[in-house]
PDB file of N, CA and C in Angstrom:
ATOM      1  N   PHE A   1       0.679  -1.393  -0.061  1.00  0.00           N
ATOM      2  CA  PHE A   1       0.045  -0.116  -0.023  1.00  0.00           C
ATOM      3  C   PHE A   1       0.849   1.121  -0.071  1.00  0.00           C
ATOM      4  N   PHE A   2       2.173   1.233   0.231  1.00  0.00           N
ATOM      5  CA  PHE A   2       3.056   2.378   0.079  1.00  0.00           C
ATOM      6  C   PHE A   2       4.238   2.229  -0.911  1.00  0.00           C
ATOM      7  N   ASN A   3       4.922   3.207  -1.557  1.00  0.00           N
ATOM      8  CA  ASN A   3       5.881   3.301  -2.029  1.00  0.00           C
ATOM      9  C   ASN A   3       7.073   3.903  -1.056  1.00  0.00           C
ATOM     10  N   GLU A   4       8.236   3.188  -1.120  1.00  0.00           N
ATOM     11  CA  GLU A   4       9.202   3.933  -0.287  1.00  0.00           C
ATOM     12  C   GLU A   4      10.224   4.753  -1.366  1.00  0.00           C
ATOM     13  N   THR A   5      10.535   5.961  -0.936  1.00  0.00           N
ATOM     14  CA  THR A   5      11.596   6.924  -1.710  1.00  0.00           C
ATOM     15  C   THR A   5      12.843   6.462  -1.333  1.00  0.00           C
ATOM     16  N   LYS A   6      13.795   6.946  -1.770  1.00  0.00           N
ATOM     17  CA  LYS A   6      15.365   6.940  -1.756  1.00  0.00           C
ATOM     18  C   LYS A   6      15.794   7.218  -0.506  1.00  0.00           C
ATOM     19  N   ALA A   7      14.902   8.097   0.001  1.00  0.00           N
ATOM     20  CA  ALA A   7      15.313   8.950   1.354  1.00  0.00           C
ATOM     21  C   ALA A   7      14.633   7.841   2.472  1.00  0.00           C
ATOM     22  N   GLY A   8      13.946   7.050   2.178  1.00  0.00           N
ATOM     23  CA  GLY A   8      13.098   6.358   3.098  1.00  0.00           C
ATOM     24  C   GLY A   8      11.774   6.720   3.481  1.00  0.00           C
ATOM     25  N   LYS A   9      11.360   7.647   2.919  1.00  0.00           N
ATOM     26  CA  LYS A   9      10.113   7.985   3.287  1.00  0.00           C
ATOM     27  C   LYS A   9       9.031   7.120   2.581  1.00  0.00           C
ATOM     28  N   CYS A  10       7.816   6.811   3.348  1.00  0.00           N
ATOM     29  CA  CYS A  10       6.879   5.911   2.763  1.00  0.00           C
ATOM     30  C   CYS A  10       5.754   6.883   2.397  1.00  0.00           C
ATOM     31  N   ILE A  11       5.294   6.768   1.070  1.00  0.00           N
ATOM     32  CA  ILE A  11       4.216   7.673   0.447  1.00  0.00           C
ATOM     33  C   ILE A  11       3.229   6.566  -0.001  1.00  0.00           C
ATOM     34  N   PRO A  12       1.885   6.771   0.633  1.00  0.00           N
ATOM     35  CA  PRO A  12       0.775   6.043   0.140  1.00  0.00           C
ATOM     36  C   PRO A  12       0.377   5.744  -1.278  1.00  0.00           C
ATOM     37  N   ARG A  13       0.323   4.728  -1.613  1.00  0.00           N
ATOM     38  CA  ARG A  13       0.111   4.450  -3.331  1.00  0.00           C
ATOM     39  C   ARG A  13      -1.492   4.495  -3.362  1.00  0.00           C
ATOM     40  N   ASN A  14      -1.797   5.715  -3.342  1.00  0.00           N
ATOM     41  CA  ASN A  14      -3.393   6.187  -3.724  1.00  0.00           C
ATOM     42  C   ASN A  14      -3.397   7.536  -4.518  1.00  0.00           C
ATOM     43  N   ILE A  15      -4.450   7.894  -4.816  1.00  0.00           N
ATOM     44  CA  ILE A  15      -4.850   8.791  -5.761  1.00  0.00           C
ATOM     45  C   ILE A  15      -6.185   9.658  -5.222  1.00  0.00           C
ATOM     46  N   PHE A  16      -6.230  10.886  -4.923  1.00  0.00           N
ATOM     47  CA  PHE A  16      -7.436  11.858  -4.670  1.00  0.00           C
ATOM     48  C   PHE A  16      -7.857  12.288  -5.977  1.00  0.00           C
ATOM     49  N   VAL A  17      -9.102  12.306  -6.246  1.00  0.00           N
ATOM     50  CA  VAL A  17      -9.644  12.872  -7.324  1.00  0.00           C
ATOM     51  C   VAL A  17     -10.988  13.577  -7.217  1.00  0.00           C
ATOM     52  N   ASP A  18     -11.047  14.833  -7.666  1.00  0.00           N
ATOM     53  CA  ASP A  18     -12.277  15.531  -7.281  1.00  0.00           C
ATOM     54  C   ASP A  18     -12.274  16.334  -8.610  1.00  0.00           C
ATOM     55  N   LEU A  19     -13.570  16.771  -9.118  1.00  0.00           N
ATOM     56  CA  LEU A  19     -13.745  17.230 -10.137  1.00  0.00           C
ATOM     57  C   LEU A  19     -13.549  19.112  -9.934  1.00  0.00           C
ATOM     58  N   GLU A  20     -13.571  19.572  -8.886  1.00  0.00           N
ATOM     59  CA  GLU A  20     -13.510  20.740  -8.452  1.00  0.00           C
ATOM     60  C   GLU A  20     -12.336  20.721  -7.320  1.00  0.00           C
ATOM     61  N   PRO A  21     -11.616  21.534  -7.031  1.00  0.00           N
ATOM     62  CA  PRO A  21     -10.290  21.528  -6.344  1.00  0.00           C
ATOM     63  C   PRO A  21     -10.607  21.950  -4.765  1.00  0.00           C
ATOM     64  N   THR A  22     -11.562  22.243  -4.238  1.00  0.00           N
ATOM     65  CA  THR A  22     -11.607  22.598  -2.685  1.00  0.00           C
ATOM     66  C   THR A  22     -11.342  21.428  -1.692  1.00  0.00           C
ATOM     67  N   VAL A  23     -12.018  20.325  -2.093  1.00  0.00           N
ATOM     68  CA  VAL A  23     -11.925  19.113  -1.046  1.00  0.00           C
ATOM     69  C   VAL A  23     -10.372  18.805  -1.226  1.00  0.00           C
ATOM     70  N   VAL A  24      -9.785  18.456  -2.320  1.00  0.00           N
ATOM     71  CA  VAL A  24      -8.478  18.046  -2.444  1.00  0.00           C
ATOM     72  C   VAL A  24      -7.431  19.198  -2.128  1.00  0.00           C
ATOM     73  N   ASP A  25      -7.837  20.432  -2.116  1.00  0.00           N
ATOM     74  CA  ASP A  25      -6.981  21.449  -1.426  1.00  0.00           C
ATOM     75  C   ASP A  25      -6.764  21.340  -0.169  1.00  0.00           C
ATOM     76  N   GLU A  26      -7.875  21.029   0.640  1.00  0.00           N
ATOM     77  CA  GLU A  26      -7.894  20.718   2.122  1.00  0.00           C
ATOM     78  C   GLU A  26      -6.904  19.691   2.464  1.00  0.00           C
ATOM     79  N   VAL A  27      -6.879  18.552   1.643  1.00  0.00           N
ATOM     80  CA  VAL A  27      -5.956  17.495   1.871  1.00  0.00           C
ATOM     81  C   VAL A  27      -4.588  18.061   1.588  1.00  0.00           C
ATOM     82  N   ARG A  28      -4.423  18.697   0.453  1.00  0.00           N
ATOM     83  CA  ARG A  28      -3.078  19.148  -0.016  1.00  0.00           C
ATOM     84  C   ARG A  28      -2.327  20.145   0.974  1.00  0.00           C
ATOM     85  N   ASN A  29      -3.420  21.201   1.649  1.00  0.00           N
ATOM     86  CA  ASN A  29      -2.796  22.138   2.800  1.00  0.00           C
ATOM     87  C   ASN A  29      -2.964  21.742   4.228  1.00  0.00           C
ATOM     88  N   GLY A  30      -3.616  20.575   4.527  1.00  0.00           N
ATOM     89  CA  GLY A  30      -4.020  20.265   5.713  1.00  0.00           C
ATOM     90  C   GLY A  30      -2.614  19.391   6.526  1.00  0.00           C
ATOM     91  N   LYS A  31      -3.077  18.853   7.617  1.00  0.00           N
ATOM     92  CA  LYS A  31      -2.084  18.456   8.583  1.00  0.00           C
ATOM     93  C   LYS A  31      -1.133  17.224   7.944  1.00  0.00           C
ATOM     94  N   TYR A  32      -2.067  16.409   6.869  1.00  0.00           N
ATOM     95  CA  TYR A  32      -1.434  15.175   6.514  1.00  0.00           C
ATOM     96  C   TYR A  32      -0.804  15.516   4.769  1.00  0.00           C
ATOM     97  N   GLY A  33      -0.815  16.679   4.467  1.00  0.00           N
ATOM     98  CA  GLY A  33      -0.643  17.207   2.966  1.00  0.00           C
ATOM     99  C   GLY A  33       0.782  16.558   2.706  1.00  0.00           C
ATOM    100  N   LYS A  34       1.937  16.574   3.413  1.00  0.00           N
ATOM    101  CA  LYS A  34       2.846  16.277   3.122  1.00  0.00           C
ATOM    102  C   LYS A  34       3.181  14.795   3.105  1.00  0.00           C
ATOM    103  N   LEU A  35       2.271  14.151   3.586  1.00  0.00           N
ATOM    104  CA  LEU A  35       2.448  12.548   3.495  1.00  0.00           C
ATOM    105  C   LEU A  35       2.043  12.066   1.772  1.00  0.00           C
ATOM    106  N   PHE A  36       1.183  12.844   0.969  1.00  0.00           N
ATOM    107  CA  PHE A  36       0.921  12.614  -0.073  1.00  0.00           C
ATOM    108  C   PHE A  36       1.839  13.025  -1.251  1.00  0.00           C
ATOM    109  N   HIS A  37       2.068  12.382  -2.359  1.00  0.00           N
ATOM    110  CA  HIS A  37       2.885  12.961  -3.772  1.00  0.00           C
ATOM    111  C   HIS A  37       1.696  13.962  -4.178  1.00  0.00           C
ATOM    112  N   PRO A  38       2.267  15.282  -4.664  1.00  0.00           N
ATOM    113  CA  PRO A  38       1.596  16.311  -5.487  1.00  0.00           C
ATOM    114  C   PRO A  38       0.813  15.852  -6.443  1.00  0.00           C
ATOM    115  N   ASP A  39       1.648  14.871  -7.220  1.00  0.00           N
ATOM    116  CA  ASP A  39       1.133  14.456  -8.414  1.00  0.00           C
ATOM    117  C   ASP A  39      -0.231  13.441  -8.265  1.00  0.00           C
ATOM    118  N   GLN A  40      -0.489  12.942  -7.085  1.00  0.00           N
ATOM    119  CA  GLN A  40      -1.577  12.068  -6.652  1.00  0.00           C
ATOM    120  C   GLN A  40      -2.546  12.688  -6.487  1.00  0.00           C
ATOM    121  N   LEU A  41      -2.664  13.952  -6.261  1.00  0.00           N
ATOM    122  CA  LEU A  41      -4.033  14.899  -5.860  1.00  0.00           C
ATOM    123  C   LEU A  41      -4.341  15.388  -6.952  1.00  0.00           C
ATOM    124  N   ILE A  42      -5.310  15.056  -7.715  1.00  0.00           N
ATOM    125  CA  ILE A  42      -5.901  15.398  -9.045  1.00  0.00           C
ATOM    126  C   ILE A  42      -7.159  16.066  -8.885  1.00  0.00           C
ATOM    127  N   THR A  43      -7.177  17.236  -9.497  1.00  0.00           N
ATOM    128  CA  THR A  43      -8.645  17.825  -9.671  1.00  0.00           C
ATOM    129  C   THR A  43      -8.733  18.778 -10.894  1.00  0.00           C
ATOM    130  N   GLY A  44     -10.274  18.622 -11.281  1.00  0.00           N
ATOM    131  CA  GLY A  44     -10.469  19.396 -12.193  1.00  0.00           C
ATOM    132  C   GLY A  44     -10.578  21.125 -12.066  1.00  0.00           C
ATOM    133  N   MET A  45     -11.320  21.505 -12.924  1.00  0.00           N
ATOM    134  CA  MET A  45     -11.397  23.275 -12.778  1.00  0.00           C
ATOM    135  C   MET A  45     -12.740  23.505 -12.560  1.00  0.00           C
ATOM    136  N   GLU A  46     -13.834  22.699 -12.604  1.00  0.00           N
ATOM    137  CA  GLU A  46     -15.078  23.084 -12.415  1.00  0.00           C
ATOM    138  C   GLU A  46     -15.918  21.653 -11.824  1.00  0.00           C
ATOM    139  N   ASP A  47     -16.530  21.924 -11.022  1.00  0.00           N
ATOM    140  CA  ASP A  47     -17.497  20.847 -10.375  1.00  0.00           C
ATOM    141  C   ASP A  47     -18.622  20.419 -11.279  1.00  0.00           C
ATOM    142  N   ALA A  48     -19.120  19.397 -10.885  1.00  0.00           N
ATOM    143  CA  ALA A  48     -20.240  18.680 -11.928  1.00  0.00           C
ATOM    144  C   ALA A  48     -21.548  19.087 -11.434  1.00  0.00           C
ATOM    145  N   ALA A  49     -21.656  19.953 -10.552  1.00  0.00           N
ATOM    146  CA  ALA A  49     -22.910  20.712  -9.948  1.00  0.00           C
ATOM    147  C   ALA A  49     -23.882  19.621  -9.473  1.00  0.00           C
ATOM    148  N   ASN A  50     -23.455  18.515  -8.656  1.00  0.00           N
ATOM    149  CA  ASN A  50     -24.149  17.499  -8.140  1.00  0.00           C
ATOM    150  C   ASN A  50     -25.011  16.565  -9.249  1.00  0.00           C
ATOM    151  N   ASN A  51     -24.376  16.605 -10.469  1.00  0.00           N
ATOM    152  CA  ASN A  51     -25.049  15.979 -11.899  1.00  0.00           C
ATOM    153  C   ASN A  51     -24.269  15.009 -12.139  1.00  0.00           C
ATOM    154  N   TYR A  52     -25.182  13.764 -12.391  1.00  0.00           N
ATOM    155  CA  TYR A  52     -24.219  12.420 -12.753  1.00  0.00           C
ATOM    156  C   TYR A  52     -23.642  12.678 -13.980  1.00  0.00           C
ATOM    157  N   ALA A  53     -24.500  13.196 -15.051  1.00  0.00           N
ATOM    158  CA  ALA A  53     -24.433  13.487 -16.556  1.00  0.00           C
ATOM    159  C   ALA A  53     -22.992  14.457 -16.708  1.00  0.00           C
ATOM    160  N   ARG A  54     -22.908  15.337 -15.930  1.00  0.00           N
ATOM    161  CA  ARG A  54     -21.590  16.108 -16.037  1.00  0.00           C
ATOM    162  C   ARG A  54     -20.237  15.465 -15.272  1.00  0.00           C
ATOM    163  N   GLY A  55     -20.556  14.755 -14.439  1.00  0.00           N
ATOM    164  CA  GLY A  55     -19.588  13.774 -13.855  1.00  0.00           C
ATOM    165  C   GLY A  55     -19.167  12.772 -14.851  1.00  0.00           C
ATOM    166  N   HIS A  56     -20.012  12.303 -15.310  1.00  0.00           N
ATOM    167  CA  HIS A  56     -19.858  11.128 -16.348  1.00  0.00           C
ATOM    168  C   HIS A  56     -19.372  11.566 -17.835  1.00  0.00           C
ATOM    169  N   TYR A  57     -20.193  12.359 -18.326  1.00  0.00           N
ATOM    170  CA  TYR A  57     -20.051  12.776 -19.866  1.00  0.00           C
ATOM    171  C   TYR A  57     -19.188  14.074 -20.057  1.00  0.00           C
ATOM    172  N   THR A  58     -19.115  14.999 -19.061  1.00  0.00           N
ATOM    173  CA  THR A  58     -18.489  16.304 -19.566  1.00  0.00           C
ATOM    174  C   THR A  58     -17.132  16.540 -18.816  1.00  0.00           C
ATOM    175  N   CYS A  59     -17.520  17.005 -17.494  1.00  0.00           N
ATOM    176  CA  CYS A  59     -16.322  17.306 -16.738  1.00  0.00           C
ATOM    177  C   CYS A  59     -15.392  16.022 -16.492  1.00  0.00           C
ATOM    178  N   GLY A  60     -16.111  15.019 -16.433  1.00  0.00           N
ATOM    179  CA  GLY A  60     -15.170  13.837 -16.129  1.00  0.00           C
ATOM    180  C   GLY A  60     -14.353  13.355 -17.231  1.00  0.00           C
ATOM    181  N   LYS A  61     -14.824  13.663 -18.314  1.00  0.00           N
ATOM    182  CA  LYS A  61     -14.165  13.170 -19.614  1.00  0.00           C
ATOM    183  C   LYS A  61     -12.664  13.982 -19.521  1.00  0.00           C
ATOM    184  N   GLU A  62     -12.760  15.271 -19.120  1.00  0.00           N
ATOM    185  CA  GLU A  62     -11.677  16.078 -19.298  1.00  0.00           C
ATOM    186  C   GLU A  62     -10.378  15.522 -18.533  1.00  0.00           C
ATOM    187  N   ILE A  63     -10.763  14.903 -17.268  1.00  0.00           N
ATOM    188  CA  ILE A  63      -9.613  14.471 -16.397  1.00  0.00           C
ATOM    189  C   ILE A  63      -9.298  12.983 -16.312  1.00  0.00           C
ATOM    190  N   ILE A  64     -10.324  12.167 -17.001  1.00  0.00           N
ATOM    191  CA  ILE A  64     -10.223  10.814 -17.113  1.00  0.00           C
ATOM    192  C   ILE A  64      -8.629  10.168 -17.321  1.00  0.00           C
ATOM    193  N   ASP A  65      -8.507  10.874 -18.667  1.00  0.00           N
ATOM    194  CA  ASP A  65      -7.089  10.305 -19.156  1.00  0.00           C
ATOM    195  C   ASP A  65      -6.030  10.481 -18.095  1.00  0.00           C
ATOM    196  N   ASN A  66      -5.739  11.574 -17.566  1.00  0.00           N
ATOM    197  CA  ASN A  66      -4.785  12.108 -16.557  1.00  0.00           C
ATOM    198  C   ASN A  66      -5.117  11.179 -15.288  1.00  0.00           C
ATOM    199  N   VAL A  67      -6.271  10.624 -14.936  1.00  0.00           N
ATOM    200  CA  VAL A  67      -6.336  10.046 -13.655  1.00  0.00           C
ATOM    201  C   VAL A  67      -5.862   8.774 -14.033  1.00  0.00           C
ATOM    202  N   LEU A  68      -6.242   7.799 -15.085  1.00  0.00           N
ATOM    203  CA  LEU A  68      -5.906   6.783 -15.792  1.00  0.00           C
ATOM    204  C   LEU A  68      -4.402   6.737 -15.973  1.00  0.00           C
ATOM    205  N   ASN A  69      -3.815   7.620 -16.366  1.00  0.00           N
ATOM    206  CA  ASN A  69      -2.479   7.790 -16.678  1.00  0.00           C
ATOM    207  C   ASN A  69      -1.573   7.760 -15.135  1.00  0.00           C
ATOM    208  N   LYS A  70      -2.056   8.311 -14.288  1.00  0.00           N
ATOM    209  CA  LYS A  70      -1.486   8.306 -12.794  1.00  0.00           C
ATOM    210  C   LYS A  70      -1.785   6.756 -12.070  1.00  0.00           C
ATOM    211  N   ILE A  71      -2.908   6.388 -12.548  1.00  0.00           N
ATOM    212  CA  ILE A  71      -3.125   4.967 -11.752  1.00  0.00           C
ATOM    213  C   ILE A  71      -2.109   3.726 -12.635  1.00  0.00           C
ATOM    214  N   GLY A  72      -1.900   4.213 -13.942  1.00  0.00           N
ATOM    215  CA  GLY A  72      -1.275   3.232 -14.748  1.00  0.00           C
ATOM    216  C   GLY A  72       0.387   3.474 -13.950  1.00  0.00           C
ATOM    217  N   LYS A  73       0.867   4.517 -13.785  1.00  0.00           N
ATOM    218  CA  LYS A  73       2.045   4.742 -13.387  1.00  0.00           C
ATOM    219  C   LYS A  73       2.398   4.173 -11.974  1.00  0.00           C
ATOM    220  N   LEU A  74       1.287   4.288 -11.029  1.00  0.00           N
ATOM    221  CA  LEU A  74       1.276   3.773  -9.762  1.00  0.00           C
ATOM    222  C   LEU A  74       1.324   2.089  -9.736  1.00  0.00           C
ATOM    223  N   SER A  75       0.395   1.694 -10.754  1.00  0.00           N
ATOM    224  CA  SER A  75       0.414   0.355 -10.942  1.00  0.00           C
ATOM    225  C   SER A  75       1.828  -0.419 -11.539  1.00  0.00           C
ATOM    226  N   ASP A  76       2.375   0.360 -12.261  1.00  0.00           N
ATOM    227  CA  ASP A  76       3.628  -0.259 -12.494  1.00  0.00           C
ATOM    228  C   ASP A  76       4.855  -0.291 -11.789  1.00  0.00           C
ATOM    229  N   GLN A  77       4.390   0.358 -10.565  1.00  0.00           N
ATOM    230  CA  GLN A  77       5.429   0.285  -9.611  1.00  0.00           C
ATOM    231  C   GLN A  77       5.019  -0.843  -8.614  1.00  0.00           C
ATOM    232  N   CYS A  78       4.056  -1.459  -8.651  1.00  0.00           N
ATOM    233  CA  CYS A  78       3.665  -2.847  -7.928  1.00  0.00           C
ATOM    234  C   CYS A  78       4.331  -3.939  -8.318  1.00  0.00           C
ATOM    235  N   SER A  79       4.702  -4.890  -7.311  1.00  0.00           N
ATOM    236  CA  SER A  79       5.371  -6.098  -7.943  1.00  0.00           C
ATOM    237  C   SER A  79       4.327  -7.059  -8.324  1.00  0.00           C
ATOM    238  N   THR A  80       3.177  -6.911  -7.699  1.00  0.00           N
ATOM    239  CA  THR A  80       2.242  -8.201  -8.005  1.00  0.00           C
ATOM    240  C   THR A  80       0.741  -7.119  -7.817  1.00  0.00           C
ATOM    241  N   LEU A  81       0.332  -6.446  -8.635  1.00  0.00           N
ATOM    242  CA  LEU A  81      -1.063  -5.780  -8.320  1.00  0.00           C
ATOM    243  C   LEU A  81      -2.184  -6.731  -8.467  1.00  0.00           C
ATOM    244  N   GLN A  82      -2.804  -6.595  -7.234  1.00  0.00           N
ATOM    245  CA  GLN A  82      -4.033  -7.503  -7.037  1.00  0.00           C
ATOM    246  C   GLN A  82      -5.433  -6.849  -7.526  1.00  0.00           C
ATOM    247  N   GLY A  83      -5.410  -5.476  -7.334  1.00  0.00           N
ATOM    248  CA  GLY A  83      -6.750  -4.793  -7.676  1.00  0.00           C
ATOM    249  C   GLY A  83      -6.913  -3.289  -7.341  1.00  0.00           C
ATOM    250  N   PHE A  84      -7.883  -3.067  -7.349  1.00  0.00           N
ATOM    251  CA  PHE A  84      -8.063  -1.477  -6.831  1.00  0.00           C
ATOM    252  C   PHE A  84      -9.326  -1.379  -5.597  1.00  0.00           C
ATOM    253  N   LEU A  85      -8.996  -0.507  -4.902  1.00  0.00           N
ATOM    254  CA  LEU A  85     -10.010  -0.367  -3.823  1.00  0.00           C
ATOM    255  C   LEU A  85     -10.432   1.086  -4.290  1.00  0.00           C
ATOM    256  N   VAL A  86     -11.740   1.625  -4.670  1.00  0.00           N
ATOM    257  CA  VAL A  86     -12.355   2.853  -4.716  1.00  0.00           C
ATOM    258  C   VAL A  86     -13.455   3.315  -3.930  1.00  0.00           C
ATOM    259  N   PHE A  87     -12.900   4.355  -3.120  1.00  0.00           N
ATOM    260  CA  PHE A  87     -13.776   4.864  -2.190  1.00  0.00           C
ATOM    261  C   PHE A  87     -14.343   6.172  -2.767  1.00  0.00           C
ATOM    262  N   HIS A  88     -15.756   6.397  -2.493  1.00  0.00           N
ATOM    263  CA  HIS A  88     -16.627   7.370  -3.018  1.00  0.00           C
ATOM    264  C   HIS A  88     -17.762   7.653  -2.476  1.00  0.00           C
ATOM    265  N   SER A  89     -18.267   8.521  -2.832  1.00  0.00           N
ATOM    266  CA  SER A  89     -19.633   9.027  -2.273  1.00  0.00           C
ATOM    267  C   SER A  89     -20.419   8.452  -3.346  1.00  0.00           C
ATOM    268  N   PHE A  90     -21.830   8.420  -2.961  1.00  0.00           N
ATOM    269  CA  PHE A  90     -23.065   8.116  -3.888  1.00  0.00           C
ATOM    270  C   PHE A  90     -23.661   9.231  -4.746  1.00  0.00           C
ATOM    271  N   GLY A  91     -23.545  10.350  -3.804  1.00  0.00           N
ATOM    272  CA  GLY A  91     -24.251  11.574  -4.199  1.00  0.00           C
ATOM    273  C   GLY A  91     -23.230  12.512  -5.058  1.00  0.00           C
ATOM    274  N   GLY A  92     -23.888  13.393  -5.747  1.00  0.00           N
ATOM    275  CA  GLY A  92     -22.947  14.403  -6.501  1.00  0.00           C
ATOM    276  C   GLY A  92     -22.321  13.725  -7.882  1.00  0.00           C
ATOM    277  N   GLY A  93     -21.822  14.634  -8.698  1.00  0.00           N
ATOM    278  CA  GLY A  93     -21.135  14.393 -10.190  1.00  0.00           C
ATOM    279  C   GLY A  93     -19.839  13.459  -9.998  1.00  0.00           C
ATOM    280  N   THR A  94     -19.324  13.847  -9.118  1.00  0.00           N
ATOM    281  CA  THR A  94     -17.955  13.227  -8.998  1.00  0.00           C
ATOM    282  C   THR A  94     -18.118  11.848  -8.202  1.00  0.00           C
ATOM    283  N   GLY A  95     -18.906  11.675  -7.343  1.00  0.00           N
ATOM    284  CA  GLY A  95     -19.190  10.524  -6.512  1.00  0.00           C
ATOM    285  C   GLY A  95     -19.839   9.460  -7.412  1.00  0.00           C
ATOM    286  N   SER A  96     -20.855   9.829  -8.110  1.00  0.00           N
ATOM    287  CA  SER A  96     -21.654   8.834  -8.951  1.00  0.00           C
ATOM    288  C   SER A  96     -21.344   9.183 -10.430  1.00  0.00           C
ATOM    289  N   GLY A  97     -21.232   9.981 -11.068  1.00  0.00           N
ATOM    290  CA  GLY A  97     -20.830  10.097 -12.368  1.00  0.00           C
ATOM    291  C   GLY A  97     -19.482   9.781 -12.872  1.00  0.00           C
ATOM    292  N   PHE A  98     -18.409  10.520 -12.154  1.00  0.00           N
ATOM    293  CA  PHE A  98     -16.928  10.331 -12.560  1.00  0.00           C
ATOM    294  C   PHE A  98     -16.588   8.767 -12.002  1.00  0.00           C
ATOM    295  N   THR A  99     -17.248   8.529 -11.006  1.00  0.00           N
ATOM    296  CA  THR A  99     -16.813   7.002 -10.453  1.00  0.00           C
ATOM    297  C   THR A  99     -17.211   6.059 -11.218  1.00  0.00           C
ATOM    298  N   SER A 100     -18.453   6.174 -12.037  1.00  0.00           N
ATOM    299  CA  SER A 100     -19.032   5.341 -12.975  1.00  0.00           C
ATOM    300  C   SER A 100     -18.224   5.071 -14.238  1.00  0.00           C
ATOM    301  N   LEU A 101     -17.723   6.389 -14.289  1.00  0.00           N
ATOM    302  CA  LEU A 101     -16.794   6.607 -15.654  1.00  0.00           C
ATOM    303  C   LEU A 101     -15.441   5.804 -15.217  1.00  0.00           C
ATOM    304  N   LEU A 102     -15.008   6.118 -14.181  1.00  0.00           N
ATOM    305  CA  LEU A 102     -13.513   5.452 -13.743  1.00  0.00           C
ATOM    306  C   LEU A 102     -13.721   3.850 -13.730  1.00  0.00           C
ATOM    307  N   MET A 103     -14.669   3.525 -13.322  1.00  0.00           N
ATOM    308  CA  MET A 103     -14.733   2.153 -13.125  1.00  0.00           C
ATOM    309  C   MET A 103     -15.079   1.321 -14.460  1.00  0.00           C
ATOM    310  N   GLU A 104     -15.669   1.931 -15.399  1.00  0.00           N
ATOM    311  CA  GLU A 104     -15.863   1.396 -16.569  1.00  0.00           C
ATOM    312  C   GLU A 104     -14.536   1.430 -17.368  1.00  0.00           C
ATOM    313  N   ARG A 105     -13.740   2.313 -17.067  1.00  0.00           N
ATOM    314  CA  ARG A 105     -12.486   2.556 -17.879  1.00  0.00           C
ATOM    315  C   ARG A 105     -11.373   1.627 -16.884  1.00  0.00           C
ATOM    316  N   LEU A 106     -11.598   1.146 -15.940  1.00  0.00           N
ATOM    317  CA  LEU A 106     -10.457   0.440 -15.181  1.00  0.00           C
ATOM    318  C   LEU A 106     -10.972  -1.083 -15.551  1.00  0.00           C
ATOM    319  N   SER A 107     -12.292  -1.180 -15.598  1.00  0.00           N
ATOM    320  CA  SER A 107     -12.326  -2.682 -16.397  1.00  0.00           C
ATOM    321  C   SER A 107     -12.100  -2.929 -17.618  1.00  0.00           C
ATOM    322  N   VAL A 108     -11.994  -1.890 -18.520  1.00  0.00           N
ATOM    323  CA  VAL A 108     -11.217  -2.048 -19.926  1.00  0.00           C
ATOM    324  C   VAL A 108      -9.746  -2.182 -19.720  1.00  0.00           C
ATOM    325  N   GLU A 109      -9.187  -1.310 -18.951  1.00  0.00           N
ATOM    326  CA  GLU A 109      -7.809  -1.418 -18.842  1.00  0.00           C
ATOM    327  C   GLU A 109      -7.118  -2.519 -18.178  1.00  0.00           C
ATOM    328  N   TYR A 110      -7.714  -3.121 -17.012  1.00  0.00           N
ATOM    329  CA  TYR A 110      -7.398  -4.105 -16.031  1.00  0.00           C
ATOM    330  C   TYR A 110      -8.504  -5.183 -15.792  1.00  0.00           C
ATOM    331  N   PRO A 111      -8.888  -5.729 -16.871  1.00  0.00           N
ATOM    332  CA  PRO A 111     -10.164  -6.468 -16.965  1.00  0.00           C
ATOM    333  C   PRO A 111     -10.089  -7.666 -15.968  1.00  0.00           C
ATOM    334  N   LYS A 112      -8.758  -8.226 -15.567  1.00  0.00           N
ATOM    335  CA  LYS A 112      -8.634  -9.303 -14.950  1.00  0.00           C
ATOM    336  C   LYS A 112      -8.401  -8.864 -13.305  1.00  0.00           C
ATOM    337  N   LYS A 113      -8.211  -7.721 -13.148  1.00  0.00           N
ATOM    338  CA  LYS A 113      -7.781  -7.293 -11.708  1.00  0.00           C
ATOM    339  C   LYS A 113      -9.347  -6.865 -10.925  1.00  0.00           C
ATOM    340  N   SER A 114      -9.302  -7.107  -9.592  1.00  0.00           N
ATOM    341  CA  SER A 114     -10.402  -6.995  -8.781  1.00  0.00           C
ATOM    342  C   SER A 114     -10.491  -5.408  -8.587  1.00  0.00           C
ATOM    343  N   LYS A 115     -11.779  -5.124  -8.461  1.00  0.00           N
ATOM    344  CA  LYS A 115     -12.240  -3.687  -8.294  1.00  0.00           C
ATOM    345  C   LYS A 115     -13.232  -3.685  -7.147  1.00  0.00           C
ATOM    346  N   LEU A 116     -12.709  -3.177  -6.056  1.00  0.00           N
ATOM    347  CA  LEU A 116     -13.734  -3.232  -4.953  1.00  0.00           C
ATOM    348  C   LEU A 116     -14.095  -1.532  -4.751  1.00  0.00           C
ATOM    349  N   GLU A 117     -15.716  -1.390  -4.573  1.00  0.00           N
ATOM    350  CA  GLU A 117     -15.991  -0.051  -4.255  1.00  0.00           C
ATOM    351  C   GLU A 117     -16.622  -0.021  -2.985  1.00  0.00           C
ATOM    352  N   PHE A 118     -16.339   1.048  -2.312  1.00  0.00           N
ATOM    353  CA  PHE A 118     -16.778   1.499  -0.943  1.00  0.00           C
ATOM    354  C   PHE A 118     -17.328   2.770  -0.953  1.00  0.00           C
ATOM    355  N   ALA A 119     -18.461   3.026  -0.602  1.00  0.00           N
ATOM    356  CA  ALA A 119     -19.423   3.968  -0.667  1.00  0.00           C
ATOM    357  C   ALA A 119     -19.928   4.656   0.863  1.00  0.00           C
TER     358      ALA A 119
END
């Protein structure tokens, strides 16, 4: 669950994603912000306005390739990738719309890997 740097620091192997920056900025600037690599904190420029369709078809489409690229880089660092744990909300455009887009794309990119959702 962690990658170790050359300096011996352990960095969680995770990605934070939100279609608008305020929530991820709270993590970035908060008490544990230095624990995470800045490249693993991904935000869009506008929120999905609690709208599934905006999260899945418009705003989400703008950042999905970046998110999958980061997932690919983290996956390549694993010696034996078992699968993915996805934590999300049910409501809102990011929690419902973007997450369904992400799960679809993960199923295409990693068809034999486990994908567990927690909401």
